[in-house]
């Protein structure tokens, strides 16, 4: 199995429930991010064009932590601590960061399904699950484009 074949996130075909639709779009976008992060060395994963943009390892690590903060933190009442180094992930190999992102995807889906309804509000009542999922979809889409640009500048890889 090649690295690209290992990306198992489905296309966003319509499921029968609203939560499923949101999770499918999030999965689809995660796949776009992972296709850009797979197949690079740790050195390439830390590369930044002219010191600009974020490195691939930082993008994937950031997205993992965004999901943790919004799902476990905001929606489940846990910590919303943001590590100032999450964008660089200085000590983490890319394969460790990718594994953590995949594990977070499973944890996010489980937590979202356990909340049961898009109208479920956060413990403080400030957000509902619909807002949080749309925020995660938006954040992941933005960074999928960012990863696409970094990878193309890194080694010319385009598409997917």
Protein backbone atom coordinates (compact mmCIF):
# COMPACT_ATOMS: atom_id res chain seq x y z
CA UNK A 1 0.00 0.00 0.00
CA UNK A 2 1.42 3.40 -0.96
CA UNK A 3 1.22 6.47 1.24
CA UNK A 4 -1.52 7.97 -0.92
CA UNK A 5 -3.59 4.77 -0.84
CA UNK A 6 -3.40 4.95 2.93
CA UNK A 7 -5.53 8.12 2.97
CA UNK A 8 -8.93 6.62 3.68
CA UNK A 9 -11.04 9.71 4.19
CA UNK A 10 -14.11 9.46 1.91
CA UNK A 11 -15.55 11.98 -0.48
CA UNK A 12 -18.37 14.02 1.07
CA UNK A 13 -21.28 12.05 -0.35
CA UNK A 14 -24.52 12.85 1.45
CA UNK A 15 -25.20 10.71 4.53
CA UNK A 16 -28.65 10.38 6.00
CA UNK A 17 -28.06 12.64 9.02
CA UNK A 18 -26.80 16.17 9.55
CA UNK A 19 -23.99 15.24 11.92
CA UNK A 20 -22.80 12.68 9.40
CA UNK A 21 -22.76 15.32 6.67
CA UNK A 22 -20.59 17.64 8.75
CA UNK A 23 -18.23 14.80 9.72
CA UNK A 24 -17.92 13.66 6.10
CA UNK A 25 -16.89 17.14 4.95
CA UNK A 26 -14.37 17.34 7.79
CA UNK A 27 -12.99 13.91 6.82
CA UNK A 28 -12.76 14.90 3.16
CA UNK A 29 -10.77 17.99 4.04
CA UNK A 30 -8.53 16.07 6.45
CA UNK A 31 -7.70 13.78 3.54
CA UNK A 32 -6.67 16.80 1.46
CA UNK A 33 -4.30 17.90 4.24
CA UNK A 34 -2.86 14.43 4.69
CA UNK A 35 -2.23 13.91 0.98
CA UNK A 36 0.08 16.93 1.15
CA UNK A 37 1.83 15.83 4.36
CA UNK A 38 2.41 12.18 3.39
CA UNK A 39 5.57 11.17 1.63
CA UNK A 40 7.83 13.93 2.91
CA UNK A 41 10.87 13.61 5.12
CA UNK A 42 11.05 15.25 8.54
CA UNK A 43 13.32 17.89 7.03
CA UNK A 44 10.86 18.61 4.21
CA UNK A 45 7.97 18.67 6.71
CA UNK A 46 9.71 21.59 8.49
CA UNK A 47 10.50 23.53 5.33
CA UNK A 48 9.04 27.02 4.91
CA UNK A 49 9.38 29.03 1.71
CA UNK A 50 11.62 31.98 2.57
CA UNK A 51 10.62 31.56 6.21
CA UNK A 52 7.00 32.33 5.35
CA UNK A 53 3.84 30.25 5.65
CA UNK A 54 3.75 27.35 8.08
CA UNK A 55 5.60 24.07 7.65
CA UNK A 56 3.54 20.95 6.86
CA UNK A 57 4.32 19.44 10.27
CA UNK A 58 3.05 22.61 11.94
CA UNK A 59 -0.14 22.68 9.87
CA UNK A 60 -1.07 19.11 10.73
CA UNK A 61 -0.15 19.56 14.39
CA UNK A 62 -2.16 22.78 14.55
CA UNK A 63 -5.25 21.14 13.05
CA UNK A 64 -5.01 18.27 15.54
CA UNK A 65 -4.93 20.75 18.38
CA UNK A 66 -7.71 22.91 16.96
CA UNK A 67 -10.00 19.87 17.02
CA UNK A 68 -8.90 19.01 20.56
CA UNK A 69 -9.53 22.55 21.81
CA UNK A 70 -12.96 22.90 20.18
CA UNK A 71 -14.29 19.39 20.83
CA UNK A 72 -12.68 18.29 24.10
CA UNK A 73 -12.28 21.84 25.38
CA UNK A 74 -15.21 23.96 24.27
CA UNK A 75 -17.86 21.28 23.72
CA UNK A 76 -16.88 18.82 26.48
CA UNK A 77 -15.63 21.33 29.06
CA UNK A 78 -11.94 20.39 28.98
CA UNK A 79 -8.82 22.47 28.52
CA UNK A 80 -8.57 24.99 25.70
CA UNK A 81 -4.84 25.61 26.27
CA UNK A 82 -2.98 26.59 23.10
CA UNK A 83 0.70 25.66 22.94
CA UNK A 84 2.55 28.57 21.29
CA UNK A 85 4.82 26.03 19.53
CA UNK A 86 2.01 24.02 17.93
CA UNK A 87 2.56 25.73 14.55
CA UNK A 88 6.19 24.60 14.44
CA UNK A 89 6.00 21.22 16.26
CA UNK A 90 9.78 21.44 16.78
CA UNK A 91 10.33 18.05 18.40
CA UNK A 92 7.78 15.97 16.51
CA UNK A 93 8.50 13.77 13.49
CA UNK A 94 5.94 14.09 10.68
CA UNK A 95 4.80 10.46 11.03
CA UNK A 96 4.00 11.02 14.72
CA UNK A 97 2.04 14.18 13.87
CA UNK A 98 0.10 12.37 11.12
CA UNK A 99 -0.75 9.49 13.47
CA UNK A 100 -1.97 11.95 16.10
CA UNK A 101 -4.14 13.70 13.47
CA UNK A 102 -5.70 10.40 12.43
CA UNK A 103 -6.35 9.46 16.07
CA UNK A 104 -7.87 12.89 16.69
CA UNK A 105 -10.22 12.37 13.75
CA UNK A 106 -11.54 9.20 15.38
CA UNK A 107 -11.84 10.91 18.78
CA UNK A 108 -13.62 13.91 17.26
CA UNK A 109 -16.15 11.71 15.42
CA UNK A 110 -16.85 9.74 18.59
CA UNK A 111 -17.32 12.83 20.72
CA UNK A 112 -19.50 14.54 18.12
CA UNK A 113 -21.72 11.45 17.78
CA UNK A 114 -21.98 11.22 21.59
CA UNK A 115 -23.22 14.81 21.76
CA UNK A 116 -26.09 13.65 19.59
CA UNK A 117 -27.48 16.81 18.03
CA UNK A 118 -26.17 19.86 16.20
CA UNK A 119 -28.14 22.09 18.57
CA UNK A 120 -26.25 20.75 21.62
CA UNK A 121 -24.67 23.69 23.40
CA UNK A 122 -21.26 23.93 25.01
CA UNK A 123 -21.20 23.81 28.83
CA UNK A 124 -21.01 27.62 28.94
CA UNK A 125 -23.82 27.90 26.40
CA UNK A 126 -21.78 30.13 24.10
CA UNK A 127 -21.54 27.73 21.15
CA UNK A 128 -23.59 24.95 19.64
CA UNK A 129 -22.16 21.86 17.97
CA UNK A 130 -23.20 23.14 14.53
CA UNK A 131 -21.04 26.27 14.95
CA UNK A 132 -18.09 24.22 16.21
CA UNK A 133 -18.24 21.75 13.31
CA UNK A 134 -18.56 24.52 10.74
CA UNK A 135 -15.59 26.25 12.34
CA UNK A 136 -13.54 23.03 12.12
CA UNK A 137 -14.56 22.53 8.49
CA UNK A 138 -13.57 26.11 7.66
CA UNK A 139 -10.26 25.90 9.53
CA UNK A 140 -9.37 22.60 7.88
CA UNK A 141 -10.30 23.89 4.41
CA UNK A 142 -8.15 27.00 4.85
CA UNK A 143 -5.17 24.95 5.98
CA UNK A 144 -5.68 22.34 3.24
CA UNK A 145 -5.11 25.17 0.74
CA UNK A 146 -2.15 26.35 2.78
CA UNK A 147 -0.66 22.80 2.76
CA UNK A 148 -1.26 22.59 -0.98
CA UNK A 149 0.73 25.79 -1.54
CA UNK A 150 3.58 24.70 0.74
CA UNK A 151 3.86 21.28 -0.91
CA UNK A 152 3.84 22.73 -4.43
CA UNK A 153 6.58 25.21 -3.50
CA UNK A 154 8.51 22.45 -1.71
CA UNK A 155 8.69 19.85 -4.45
CA UNK A 156 6.22 20.68 -7.20
CA UNK A 157 3.53 18.24 -6.05
CA UNK A 158 0.11 19.47 -7.21
CA UNK A 159 -3.43 18.12 -7.32
CA UNK A 160 -5.55 15.93 -5.08
